Amino acid sequence: MFTGMIRLVTLGTFAAALLSLPAFAAGGGGGGGGGSGSTDPYAGAYSDQKPQATYPKRPGAKATQKGKKQGNQSSIGDPAFAAGYRAAYDTIYEHNDYAAAIAQLKSLGHDDHPNVANLIGYSYRKLGDYEQSQVWYERALQADPNHVLTWQYYGLWQLERGNREQALYHLGRIASICGTDCEEYRSLAAALDKPAGTALVY
């Protein structure tokens, strides 16, 4: 009976600890990923989703969680870095000035951070420089193999290059990271549902 009481107390303590943990917000950002239910004007069948305002972590820090999967996005607490990153983010998503954004992102001195590398890759893709875009997407995934927004953006890159099988592979990687209900999965899946040769509009 005493052993049973210890088990009940232990279970109660464990349950209380679990209930007191803060819920992780869906979303990542900044070259990381936006969460489900985004009201982003870029969202849609062929959209690149606009990342929400979460910033890259310092090197070596673990990525944040989205749903039950870990490691899909990253953030940083350095205010100067966050401010510079936010300025570059706005240059991309508010002003569509991709060349300026590349210069801003590179000036941050965190080229190997997945959020930074992903947005540099995105900017090069928007400028039509697919070779440089690929280099930066690969760099982002080397830094964080679970960076879900890079898998989405790179999947759209694959579709633009006519590599449908590779885009399907990227879709599978997204599903393994955040499931099939996250915005990154839905966006790339919708793009894959369109007839081959359809121009991407985003």
N, C-alpha and C. Protein backbone atom coordinates (compact mmCIF):
# COMPACT_ATOMS: atom_id res chain seq x y z
N MET A 1 0.82 -1.19 0.00
CA MET A 1 0.00 0.00 0.00
C MET A 1 0.87 1.26 0.00
N PHE A 2 1.95 1.23 0.80
CA PHE A 2 2.87 2.37 0.87
C PHE A 2 3.49 2.63 -0.51
N THR A 3 3.86 1.53 -1.21
CA THR A 3 4.42 1.66 -2.56
C THR A 3 3.39 2.28 -3.50
N GLY A 4 2.14 1.89 -3.34
CA GLY A 4 1.07 2.45 -4.17
C GLY A 4 0.91 3.94 -3.93
N MET A 5 1.02 4.37 -2.68
CA MET A 5 0.91 5.80 -2.36
C MET A 5 2.06 6.59 -3.00
N ILE A 6 3.28 6.01 -2.94
CA ILE A 6 4.44 6.67 -3.54
C ILE A 6 4.22 6.84 -5.04
N ARG A 7 3.70 5.80 -5.68
CA ARG A 7 3.42 5.88 -7.12
C ARG A 7 2.41 6.97 -7.42
N LEU A 8 1.33 7.04 -6.63
CA LEU A 8 0.31 8.06 -6.86
C LEU A 8 0.88 9.47 -6.68
N VAL A 9 1.68 9.67 -5.63
CA VAL A 9 2.28 10.98 -5.40
C VAL A 9 3.22 11.34 -6.54
N THR A 10 4.02 10.35 -6.99
CA THR A 10 4.95 10.59 -8.09
C THR A 10 4.19 10.95 -9.36
N LEU A 11 3.13 10.20 -9.67
CA LEU A 11 2.34 10.49 -10.86
C LEU A 11 1.67 11.86 -10.76
N GLY A 12 1.17 12.19 -9.58
CA GLY A 12 0.54 13.49 -9.39
C GLY A 12 1.53 14.63 -9.59
N THR A 13 2.72 14.45 -9.06
CA THR A 13 3.77 15.47 -9.22
C THR A 13 4.15 15.63 -10.68
N PHE A 14 4.30 14.51 -11.39
CA PHE A 14 4.64 14.53 -12.81
C PHE A 14 3.54 15.22 -13.62
N ALA A 15 2.27 14.89 -13.31
CA ALA A 15 1.15 15.50 -14.04
C ALA A 15 1.11 17.00 -13.78
N ALA A 16 1.33 17.40 -12.53
CA ALA A 16 1.32 18.83 -12.20
C ALA A 16 2.44 19.55 -12.94
N ALA A 17 3.61 18.91 -13.02
CA ALA A 17 4.73 19.52 -13.73
C ALA A 17 4.41 19.70 -15.21
N LEU A 18 3.79 18.68 -15.80
CA LEU A 18 3.42 18.76 -17.22
C LEU A 18 2.42 19.88 -17.46
N LEU A 19 1.43 20.00 -16.59
CA LEU A 19 0.41 21.02 -16.77
C LEU A 19 0.96 22.43 -16.60
N SER A 20 2.04 22.55 -15.85
CA SER A 20 2.60 23.89 -15.62
C SER A 20 3.55 24.34 -16.72
N LEU A 21 3.90 23.42 -17.64
CA LEU A 21 4.81 23.80 -18.73
C LEU A 21 4.11 24.73 -19.70
N PRO A 22 4.79 25.76 -20.20
CA PRO A 22 4.15 26.64 -21.19
C PRO A 22 4.01 25.92 -22.52
N ALA A 23 2.92 26.18 -23.21
CA ALA A 23 2.70 25.57 -24.52
C ALA A 23 3.63 26.23 -25.52
N PHE A 24 4.14 25.46 -26.44
CA PHE A 24 4.98 26.02 -27.49
C PHE A 24 4.09 26.61 -28.56
N ALA A 25 4.39 27.79 -28.97
CA ALA A 25 3.61 28.42 -30.03
C ALA A 25 4.00 27.81 -31.36
N ALA A 26 3.03 27.61 -32.21
CA ALA A 26 3.34 27.14 -33.55
C ALA A 26 4.03 28.27 -34.28
N GLY A 27 4.95 27.91 -35.08
CA GLY A 27 5.57 28.96 -35.88
C GLY A 27 7.04 29.02 -35.65
N GLY A 28 7.70 29.59 -36.52
CA GLY A 28 9.10 29.73 -36.40
C GLY A 28 9.38 31.08 -36.92
N GLY A 29 10.18 31.26 -37.76
CA GLY A 29 10.24 32.54 -38.33
C GLY A 29 11.51 32.79 -38.99
N GLY A 30 11.47 33.89 -39.39
CA GLY A 30 12.54 34.49 -40.03
C GLY A 30 13.30 33.51 -40.84
N GLY A 31 12.88 33.28 -41.92
CA GLY A 31 13.57 32.28 -42.64
C GLY A 31 13.34 30.99 -41.94
N GLY A 32 12.62 31.12 -40.92
CA GLY A 32 12.12 30.02 -40.20
C GLY A 32 10.71 29.92 -40.61
N GLY A 33 9.79 29.37 -39.98
CA GLY A 33 8.50 29.18 -40.58
C GLY A 33 7.43 29.87 -39.86
N GLY A 34 6.40 30.23 -40.57
CA GLY A 34 5.22 30.77 -39.93
C GLY A 34 4.39 29.63 -39.44
N GLY A 35 3.51 29.88 -38.55
CA GLY A 35 2.67 28.83 -38.01
C GLY A 35 1.45 28.59 -38.86
N SER A 36 0.71 27.56 -38.50
CA SER A 36 -0.52 27.28 -39.20
C SER A 36 -1.49 28.41 -38.97
N GLY A 37 -2.39 28.59 -39.88
CA GLY A 37 -3.39 29.61 -39.73
C GLY A 37 -2.86 31.01 -39.96
N SER A 38 -1.77 31.13 -40.66
CA SER A 38 -1.18 32.43 -40.92
C SER A 38 -2.13 33.27 -41.76
N THR A 39 -2.19 34.56 -41.49
CA THR A 39 -2.99 35.46 -42.29
C THR A 39 -2.11 36.16 -43.31
N ASP A 40 -0.99 35.61 -43.55
CA ASP A 40 0.02 36.16 -44.43
C ASP A 40 -0.47 36.29 -45.86
N PRO A 41 -0.24 37.45 -46.49
CA PRO A 41 -0.69 37.65 -47.85
C PRO A 41 0.01 36.76 -48.85
N TYR A 42 1.15 36.15 -48.47
CA TYR A 42 1.86 35.26 -49.37
C TYR A 42 1.30 33.85 -49.31
N ALA A 43 0.46 33.56 -48.31
CA ALA A 43 -0.04 32.19 -48.15
C ALA A 43 -0.97 31.87 -49.30
N GLY A 44 -1.00 30.61 -49.69
CA GLY A 44 -1.87 30.19 -50.76
C GLY A 44 -1.23 29.07 -51.54
N ALA A 45 -1.88 28.71 -52.61
CA ALA A 45 -1.46 27.54 -53.35
C ALA A 45 0.01 27.56 -53.74
N TYR A 46 0.50 28.69 -54.21
CA TYR A 46 1.87 28.73 -54.66
C TYR A 46 2.69 29.67 -53.82
N SER A 47 2.26 29.88 -52.62
CA SER A 47 2.95 30.91 -51.85
C SER A 47 4.17 30.38 -51.16
N ASP A 48 5.11 31.27 -50.96
CA ASP A 48 6.13 31.07 -49.96
C ASP A 48 5.49 31.73 -48.77
N GLN A 49 5.44 31.07 -47.64
CA GLN A 49 4.81 31.75 -46.54
C GLN A 49 5.77 32.71 -45.91
N LYS A 50 5.24 33.83 -45.51
CA LYS A 50 6.03 34.87 -44.87
C LYS A 50 6.33 34.44 -43.45
N PRO A 51 7.59 34.34 -43.07
CA PRO A 51 7.90 33.89 -41.73
C PRO A 51 7.39 34.84 -40.67
N GLN A 52 6.98 34.28 -39.54
CA GLN A 52 6.58 35.11 -38.42
C GLN A 52 7.81 35.62 -37.69
N ALA A 53 7.59 36.54 -36.78
CA ALA A 53 8.71 37.22 -36.14
C ALA A 53 9.35 36.42 -35.02
N THR A 54 10.11 35.42 -35.37
CA THR A 54 10.97 34.69 -34.44
C THR A 54 12.35 34.73 -35.06
N TYR A 55 13.36 34.97 -34.27
CA TYR A 55 14.67 35.23 -34.82
C TYR A 55 15.66 34.11 -34.51
N PRO A 56 16.74 34.01 -35.29
CA PRO A 56 17.70 32.93 -35.11
C PRO A 56 18.38 32.94 -33.74
N LYS A 57 18.68 31.74 -33.25
CA LYS A 57 19.43 31.60 -31.99
C LYS A 57 20.91 31.75 -32.24
N ARG A 58 21.65 31.92 -31.16
CA ARG A 58 23.10 31.91 -31.27
C ARG A 58 23.55 30.53 -31.72
N PRO A 59 24.69 30.44 -32.40
CA PRO A 59 25.17 29.14 -32.85
C PRO A 59 25.24 28.14 -31.70
N GLY A 60 24.80 26.92 -31.98
CA GLY A 60 24.83 25.86 -30.99
C GLY A 60 23.56 25.77 -30.17
N ALA A 61 22.69 26.76 -30.27
CA ALA A 61 21.44 26.70 -29.51
C ALA A 61 20.47 25.78 -30.23
N LYS A 62 19.64 25.11 -29.47
CA LYS A 62 18.67 24.21 -30.07
C LYS A 62 17.53 25.00 -30.68
N ALA A 63 16.96 24.45 -31.72
CA ALA A 63 15.85 25.12 -32.38
C ALA A 63 14.59 24.99 -31.53
N THR A 64 13.63 25.85 -31.81
CA THR A 64 12.37 25.81 -31.08
C THR A 64 11.51 24.68 -31.61
N GLN A 65 10.39 24.46 -30.96
CA GLN A 65 9.52 23.37 -31.38
C GLN A 65 8.31 23.91 -32.10
N LYS A 66 7.74 23.06 -32.92
CA LYS A 66 6.48 23.35 -33.58
C LYS A 66 5.69 22.07 -33.50
N GLY A 67 4.55 22.11 -32.88
CA GLY A 67 3.81 20.89 -32.67
C GLY A 67 4.63 19.96 -31.80
N LYS A 68 4.70 18.68 -32.18
CA LYS A 68 5.45 17.73 -31.37
C LYS A 68 6.85 17.48 -31.92
N LYS A 69 7.16 18.06 -33.04
CA LYS A 69 8.47 17.85 -33.63
C LYS A 69 9.42 18.95 -33.16
N GLN A 70 10.67 18.59 -32.93
CA GLN A 70 11.63 19.58 -32.48
C GLN A 70 12.53 20.00 -33.63
N GLY A 71 12.99 21.22 -33.55
CA GLY A 71 14.07 21.64 -34.42
C GLY A 71 13.66 22.14 -35.77
N ASN A 72 12.47 22.74 -35.91
CA ASN A 72 12.13 23.19 -37.24
C ASN A 72 12.47 24.65 -37.47
N GLN A 73 12.66 25.43 -36.44
CA GLN A 73 13.02 26.83 -36.59
C GLN A 73 13.97 27.22 -35.47
N SER A 74 14.53 28.40 -35.58
CA SER A 74 15.50 28.84 -34.59
C SER A 74 15.28 30.32 -34.29
N SER A 75 15.72 30.75 -33.12
CA SER A 75 15.59 32.16 -32.78
C SER A 75 16.82 32.61 -32.01
N ILE A 76 17.00 33.92 -31.90
CA ILE A 76 18.16 34.45 -31.19
C ILE A 76 17.71 35.55 -30.24
N GLY A 77 18.42 35.67 -29.12
CA GLY A 77 18.05 36.66 -28.13
C GLY A 77 18.88 37.93 -28.20
N ASP A 78 19.87 38.01 -29.04
CA ASP A 78 20.73 39.19 -29.15
C ASP A 78 19.93 40.33 -29.79
N PRO A 79 19.64 41.40 -29.04
CA PRO A 79 18.79 42.47 -29.57
C PRO A 79 19.33 43.13 -30.84
N ALA A 80 20.65 43.31 -30.92
CA ALA A 80 21.23 43.95 -32.12
C ALA A 80 21.05 43.05 -33.34
N PHE A 81 21.29 41.76 -33.13
CA PHE A 81 21.10 40.82 -34.23
C PHE A 81 19.63 40.78 -34.65
N ALA A 82 18.74 40.70 -33.65
CA ALA A 82 17.31 40.63 -33.94
C ALA A 82 16.85 41.86 -34.70
N ALA A 83 17.35 43.04 -34.33
CA ALA A 83 16.96 44.27 -35.02
C ALA A 83 17.44 44.26 -36.47
N GLY A 84 18.68 43.83 -36.69
CA GLY A 84 19.21 43.76 -38.05
C GLY A 84 18.49 42.73 -38.89
N TYR A 85 18.18 41.60 -38.26
CA TYR A 85 17.46 40.55 -38.96
C TYR A 85 16.06 41.03 -39.33
N ARG A 86 15.40 41.72 -38.40
CA ARG A 86 14.05 42.24 -38.65
C ARG A 86 14.07 43.24 -39.79
N ALA A 87 15.09 44.08 -39.84
CA ALA A 87 15.19 45.06 -40.93
C ALA A 87 15.31 44.34 -42.28
N ALA A 88 16.14 43.30 -42.33
CA ALA A 88 16.29 42.54 -43.58
C ALA A 88 15.00 41.82 -43.94
N TYR A 89 14.35 41.26 -42.94
CA TYR A 89 13.06 40.59 -43.12
C TYR A 89 12.05 41.54 -43.76
N ASP A 90 11.97 42.76 -43.22
CA ASP A 90 11.04 43.76 -43.76
C ASP A 90 11.44 44.18 -45.17
N THR A 91 12.73 44.25 -45.43
CA THR A 91 13.21 44.60 -46.77
C THR A 91 12.71 43.57 -47.78
N ILE A 92 12.68 42.31 -47.38
CA ILE A 92 12.20 41.25 -48.26
C ILE A 92 10.68 41.28 -48.38
N TYR A 93 9.99 41.17 -47.26
CA TYR A 93 8.56 40.92 -47.30
C TYR A 93 7.69 42.17 -47.40
N GLU A 94 8.23 43.31 -47.03
CA GLU A 94 7.46 44.55 -47.14
C GLU A 94 7.84 45.35 -48.38
N HIS A 95 9.12 45.28 -48.78
CA HIS A 95 9.60 46.12 -49.88
C HIS A 95 10.02 45.33 -51.11
N ASN A 96 10.11 44.01 -50.99
CA ASN A 96 10.51 43.15 -52.12
C ASN A 96 11.84 43.58 -52.74
N ASP A 97 12.74 44.10 -51.92
CA ASP A 97 14.05 44.53 -52.38
C ASP A 97 15.07 43.45 -52.00
N TYR A 98 15.14 42.43 -52.83
CA TYR A 98 15.90 41.23 -52.50
C TYR A 98 17.41 41.46 -52.51
N ALA A 99 17.90 42.28 -53.43
CA ALA A 99 19.34 42.56 -53.47
C ALA A 99 19.78 43.28 -52.20
N ALA A 100 19.01 44.26 -51.77
CA ALA A 100 19.34 44.98 -50.53
C ALA A 100 19.26 44.05 -49.33
N ALA A 101 18.28 43.16 -49.33
CA ALA A 101 18.11 42.22 -48.22
C ALA A 101 19.31 41.28 -48.12
N ILE A 102 19.82 40.83 -49.25
CA ILE A 102 20.99 39.95 -49.23
C ILE A 102 22.17 40.66 -48.55
N ALA A 103 22.38 41.90 -48.93
CA ALA A 103 23.47 42.67 -48.32
C ALA A 103 23.23 42.84 -46.82
N GLN A 104 22.01 43.13 -46.43
CA GLN A 104 21.68 43.29 -45.00
C GLN A 104 21.92 41.99 -44.24
N LEU A 105 21.46 40.88 -44.80
CA LEU A 105 21.60 39.59 -44.13
C LEU A 105 23.06 39.19 -43.99
N LYS A 106 23.83 39.39 -45.05
CA LYS A 106 25.25 39.04 -44.99
C LYS A 106 26.01 39.91 -43.99
N SER A 107 25.58 41.15 -43.84
CA SER A 107 26.26 42.06 -42.91
C SER A 107 26.04 41.68 -41.45
N LEU A 108 25.09 40.80 -41.17
CA LEU A 108 24.82 40.39 -39.80
C LEU A 108 25.93 39.51 -39.23
N GLY A 109 26.72 38.90 -40.12
CA GLY A 109 27.82 38.05 -39.65
C GLY A 109 27.37 36.68 -39.16
N HIS A 110 26.18 36.25 -39.55
CA HIS A 110 25.66 34.93 -39.15
C HIS A 110 25.21 34.15 -40.39
N ASP A 111 26.04 34.18 -41.42
CA ASP A 111 25.66 33.53 -42.69
C ASP A 111 25.32 32.05 -42.54
N ASP A 112 25.94 31.39 -41.56
CA ASP A 112 25.71 29.96 -41.42
C ASP A 112 24.52 29.64 -40.52
N HIS A 113 23.83 30.66 -40.04
CA HIS A 113 22.63 30.37 -39.26
C HIS A 113 21.52 29.99 -40.23
N PRO A 114 20.74 28.95 -39.95
CA PRO A 114 19.73 28.49 -40.92
C PRO A 114 18.71 29.54 -41.31
N ASN A 115 18.27 30.38 -40.37
CA ASN A 115 17.28 31.40 -40.73
C ASN A 115 17.87 32.42 -41.69
N VAL A 116 19.10 32.83 -41.43
CA VAL A 116 19.77 33.81 -42.28
C VAL A 116 20.05 33.20 -43.65
N ALA A 117 20.64 32.01 -43.67
CA ALA A 117 20.98 31.36 -44.94
C ALA A 117 19.73 31.10 -45.77
N ASN A 118 18.63 30.71 -45.12
CA ASN A 118 17.39 30.45 -45.84
C ASN A 118 16.87 31.71 -46.51
N LEU A 119 16.88 32.83 -45.80
CA LEU A 119 16.37 34.06 -46.40
C LEU A 119 17.30 34.58 -47.50
N ILE A 120 18.59 34.33 -47.38
CA ILE A 120 19.50 34.70 -48.47
C ILE A 120 19.16 33.84 -49.69
N GLY A 121 18.96 32.54 -49.48
CA GLY A 121 18.58 31.66 -50.58
C GLY A 121 17.26 32.09 -51.21
N TYR A 122 16.30 32.43 -50.39
CA TYR A 122 15.00 32.90 -50.87
C TYR A 122 15.18 34.16 -51.73
N SER A 123 15.99 35.08 -51.25
CA SER A 123 16.20 36.34 -51.98
C SER A 123 16.87 36.10 -53.33
N TYR A 124 17.87 35.22 -53.34
CA TYR A 124 18.51 34.89 -54.62
C TYR A 124 17.51 34.23 -55.56
N ARG A 125 16.65 33.37 -55.04
CA ARG A 125 15.64 32.72 -55.90
C ARG A 125 14.69 33.76 -56.48
N LYS A 126 14.29 34.72 -55.67
CA LYS A 126 13.40 35.77 -56.15
C LYS A 126 14.07 36.62 -57.23
N LEU A 127 15.40 36.72 -57.16
CA LEU A 127 16.15 37.46 -58.18
C LEU A 127 16.43 36.60 -59.42
N GLY A 128 16.05 35.33 -59.37
CA GLY A 128 16.26 34.44 -60.50
C GLY A 128 17.63 33.80 -60.55
N ASP A 129 18.42 33.94 -59.48
CA ASP A 129 19.74 33.32 -59.43
C ASP A 129 19.61 31.98 -58.70
N TYR A 130 19.22 30.96 -59.47
CA TYR A 130 18.94 29.65 -58.88
C TYR A 130 20.20 28.96 -58.35
N GLU A 131 21.31 29.22 -58.99
CA GLU A 131 22.56 28.58 -58.53
C GLU A 131 22.93 29.06 -57.13
N GLN A 132 22.94 30.38 -56.94
CA GLN A 132 23.25 30.92 -55.61
C GLN A 132 22.17 30.56 -54.60
N SER A 133 20.94 30.56 -55.04
CA SER A 133 19.84 30.20 -54.15
C SER A 133 20.03 28.79 -53.60
N GLN A 134 20.39 27.86 -54.47
CA GLN A 134 20.61 26.48 -54.05
C GLN A 134 21.75 26.39 -53.03
N VAL A 135 22.83 27.12 -53.28
CA VAL A 135 23.96 27.12 -52.36
C VAL A 135 23.50 27.51 -50.96
N TRP A 136 22.67 28.54 -50.87
CA TRP A 136 22.24 29.04 -49.56
C TRP A 136 21.20 28.14 -48.91
N TYR A 137 20.31 27.55 -49.71
CA TYR A 137 19.36 26.59 -49.12
C TYR A 137 20.12 25.39 -48.54
N GLU A 138 21.12 24.91 -49.29
CA GLU A 138 21.92 23.78 -48.80
C GLU A 138 22.66 24.16 -47.52
N ARG A 139 23.13 25.38 -47.48
CA ARG A 139 23.84 25.86 -46.30
C ARG A 139 22.90 25.90 -45.09
N ALA A 140 21.68 26.36 -45.29
CA ALA A 140 20.69 26.39 -44.21
C ALA A 140 20.40 25.00 -43.69
N LEU A 141 20.24 24.04 -44.60
CA LEU A 141 19.92 22.66 -44.19
C LEU A 141 21.13 21.96 -43.57
N GLN A 142 22.32 22.37 -43.96
CA GLN A 142 23.51 21.81 -43.32
C GLN A 142 23.56 22.28 -41.86
N ALA A 143 23.18 23.53 -41.63
CA ALA A 143 23.18 24.08 -40.28
C ALA A 143 22.05 23.48 -39.44
N ASP A 144 20.90 23.26 -40.04
CA ASP A 144 19.74 22.71 -39.33
C ASP A 144 18.94 21.84 -40.29
N PRO A 145 19.17 20.51 -40.28
CA PRO A 145 18.47 19.61 -41.20
C PRO A 145 16.95 19.59 -41.01
N ASN A 146 16.46 20.14 -39.90
CA ASN A 146 15.02 20.17 -39.65
C ASN A 146 14.43 21.56 -39.83
N HIS A 147 15.10 22.41 -40.56
CA HIS A 147 14.60 23.77 -40.76
C HIS A 147 13.47 23.71 -41.78
N VAL A 148 12.25 23.62 -41.28
CA VAL A 148 11.10 23.28 -42.10
C VAL A 148 10.82 24.30 -43.20
N LEU A 149 11.02 25.58 -42.93
CA LEU A 149 10.74 26.57 -43.97
C LEU A 149 11.75 26.48 -45.11
N THR A 150 12.98 26.08 -44.81
CA THR A 150 13.94 25.87 -45.89
C THR A 150 13.48 24.71 -46.76
N TRP A 151 12.98 23.64 -46.15
CA TRP A 151 12.48 22.51 -46.94
C TRP A 151 11.33 22.97 -47.83
N GLN A 152 10.47 23.85 -47.32
CA GLN A 152 9.36 24.35 -48.14
C GLN A 152 9.87 25.23 -49.27
N TYR A 153 10.69 26.23 -48.95
CA TYR A 153 11.20 27.13 -49.97
C TYR A 153 12.03 26.38 -51.01
N TYR A 154 12.84 25.46 -50.53
CA TYR A 154 13.67 24.68 -51.45
C TYR A 154 12.80 23.75 -52.30
N GLY A 155 11.70 23.29 -51.74
CA GLY A 155 10.75 22.49 -52.51
C GLY A 155 10.14 23.30 -53.64
N LEU A 156 9.81 24.56 -53.37
CA LEU A 156 9.30 25.43 -54.43
C LEU A 156 10.40 25.71 -55.46
N TRP A 157 11.63 25.84 -55.00
CA TRP A 157 12.77 25.99 -55.91
C TRP A 157 12.82 24.78 -56.84
N GLN A 158 12.65 23.58 -56.27
CA GLN A 158 12.68 22.35 -57.07
C GLN A 158 11.57 22.37 -58.12
N LEU A 159 10.38 22.81 -57.73
CA LEU A 159 9.27 22.88 -58.70
C LEU A 159 9.58 23.87 -59.81
N GLU A 160 10.13 25.01 -59.46
CA GLU A 160 10.47 26.01 -60.47
C GLU A 160 11.52 25.48 -61.44
N ARG A 161 12.35 24.58 -60.98
CA ARG A 161 13.39 24.00 -61.83
C ARG A 161 12.91 22.75 -62.56
N GLY A 162 11.65 22.37 -62.32
CA GLY A 162 11.08 21.19 -62.98
C GLY A 162 11.42 19.87 -62.30
N ASN A 163 11.90 19.93 -61.07
CA ASN A 163 12.30 18.72 -60.33
C ASN A 163 11.18 18.26 -59.40
N ARG A 164 10.13 17.74 -59.99
CA ARG A 164 8.95 17.35 -59.22
C ARG A 164 9.25 16.26 -58.18
N GLU A 165 10.04 15.29 -58.56
CA GLU A 165 10.36 14.20 -57.61
C GLU A 165 11.11 14.72 -56.39
N GLN A 166 12.01 15.66 -56.62
CA GLN A 166 12.72 16.26 -55.50
C GLN A 166 11.78 17.08 -54.62
N ALA A 167 10.84 17.78 -55.26
CA ALA A 167 9.86 18.55 -54.48
C ALA A 167 9.02 17.62 -53.61
N LEU A 168 8.69 16.45 -54.14
CA LEU A 168 7.94 15.46 -53.34
C LEU A 168 8.77 14.96 -52.17
N TYR A 169 10.06 14.80 -52.39
CA TYR A 169 10.95 14.41 -51.30
C TYR A 169 10.94 15.48 -50.21
N HIS A 170 11.01 16.73 -50.64
CA HIS A 170 10.99 17.84 -49.67
C HIS A 170 9.67 17.84 -48.90
N LEU A 171 8.57 17.55 -49.60
CA LEU A 171 7.27 17.48 -48.93
C LEU A 171 7.28 16.41 -47.85
N GLY A 172 7.89 15.27 -48.16
CA GLY A 172 8.01 14.20 -47.17
C GLY A 172 8.85 14.61 -45.97
N ARG A 173 9.90 15.37 -46.22
CA ARG A 173 10.73 15.86 -45.11
C ARG A 173 9.94 16.81 -44.21
N ILE A 174 9.13 17.67 -44.84
CA ILE A 174 8.30 18.59 -44.06
C ILE A 174 7.32 17.80 -43.20
N ALA A 175 6.70 16.77 -43.78
CA ALA A 175 5.74 15.95 -43.02
C ALA A 175 6.42 15.30 -41.82
N SER A 176 7.66 14.89 -41.98
CA SER A 176 8.37 14.24 -40.87
C SER A 176 8.75 15.22 -39.77
N ILE A 177 8.80 16.50 -40.11
CA ILE A 177 9.18 17.52 -39.12
C ILE A 177 7.96 18.10 -38.41
N CYS A 178 6.95 18.49 -39.18
CA CYS A 178 5.82 19.18 -38.53
C CYS A 178 4.47 18.58 -38.87
N GLY A 179 4.46 17.44 -39.57
CA GLY A 179 3.19 16.79 -39.90
C GLY A 179 2.60 17.34 -41.18
N THR A 180 1.40 16.88 -41.50
CA THR A 180 0.77 17.27 -42.77
C THR A 180 -0.23 18.41 -42.60
N ASP A 181 -0.37 18.91 -41.40
CA ASP A 181 -1.32 20.00 -41.18
C ASP A 181 -0.64 21.35 -41.01
N CYS A 182 0.70 21.39 -41.03
CA CYS A 182 1.38 22.67 -40.88
C CYS A 182 1.32 23.44 -42.20
N GLU A 183 1.46 24.75 -42.10
CA GLU A 183 1.34 25.62 -43.27
C GLU A 183 2.39 25.31 -44.33
N GLU A 184 3.60 24.97 -43.90
CA GLU A 184 4.67 24.67 -44.86
C GLU A 184 4.29 23.46 -45.72
N TYR A 185 3.72 22.43 -45.08
CA TYR A 185 3.30 21.24 -45.82
C TYR A 185 2.17 21.59 -46.78
N ARG A 186 1.16 22.28 -46.26
CA ARG A 186 -0.01 22.59 -47.09
C ARG A 186 0.36 23.45 -48.30
N SER A 187 1.27 24.40 -48.09
CA SER A 187 1.66 25.27 -49.19
C SER A 187 2.38 24.51 -50.30
N LEU A 188 3.37 23.68 -49.91
CA LEU A 188 4.10 22.92 -50.93
C LEU A 188 3.21 21.86 -51.58
N ALA A 189 2.35 21.23 -50.78
CA ALA A 189 1.43 20.23 -51.34
C ALA A 189 0.50 20.87 -52.37
N ALA A 190 -0.01 22.06 -52.09
CA ALA A 190 -0.89 22.76 -53.02
C ALA A 190 -0.14 23.09 -54.31
N ALA A 191 1.12 23.50 -54.19
CA ALA A 191 1.91 23.79 -55.38
C ALA A 191 2.11 22.53 -56.21
N LEU A 192 2.34 21.41 -55.54
CA LEU A 192 2.53 20.14 -56.25
C LEU A 192 1.25 19.65 -56.92
N ASP A 193 0.09 20.07 -56.41
CA ASP A 193 -1.19 19.66 -56.99
C ASP A 193 -1.50 20.35 -58.31
N LYS A 194 -0.83 21.45 -58.57
CA LYS A 194 -1.07 22.18 -59.82
C LYS A 194 -0.44 21.44 -61.00
N PRO A 195 -1.01 21.62 -62.18
CA PRO A 195 -0.45 20.95 -63.35
C PRO A 195 0.99 21.35 -63.61
N ALA A 196 1.78 20.41 -64.10
CA ALA A 196 3.18 20.68 -64.41
C ALA A 196 3.26 21.82 -65.40
N GLY A 197 4.22 22.69 -65.19
CA GLY A 197 4.42 23.82 -66.09
C GLY A 197 3.64 25.06 -65.69
N THR A 198 2.78 24.94 -64.67
CA THR A 198 2.05 26.11 -64.21
C THR A 198 3.03 27.08 -63.55
N ALA A 199 2.94 28.34 -63.91
CA ALA A 199 3.86 29.33 -63.33
C ALA A 199 3.52 29.52 -61.85
N LEU A 200 4.55 29.59 -61.04
CA LEU A 200 4.35 29.84 -59.62
C LEU A 200 4.06 31.32 -59.42
N VAL A 201 3.00 31.61 -58.69
CA VAL A 201 2.65 32.99 -58.40
C VAL A 201 2.67 33.13 -56.88
N TYR A 202 3.55 33.98 -56.40
CA TYR A 202 3.65 34.19 -54.95
C TYR A 202 4.33 35.50 -54.69
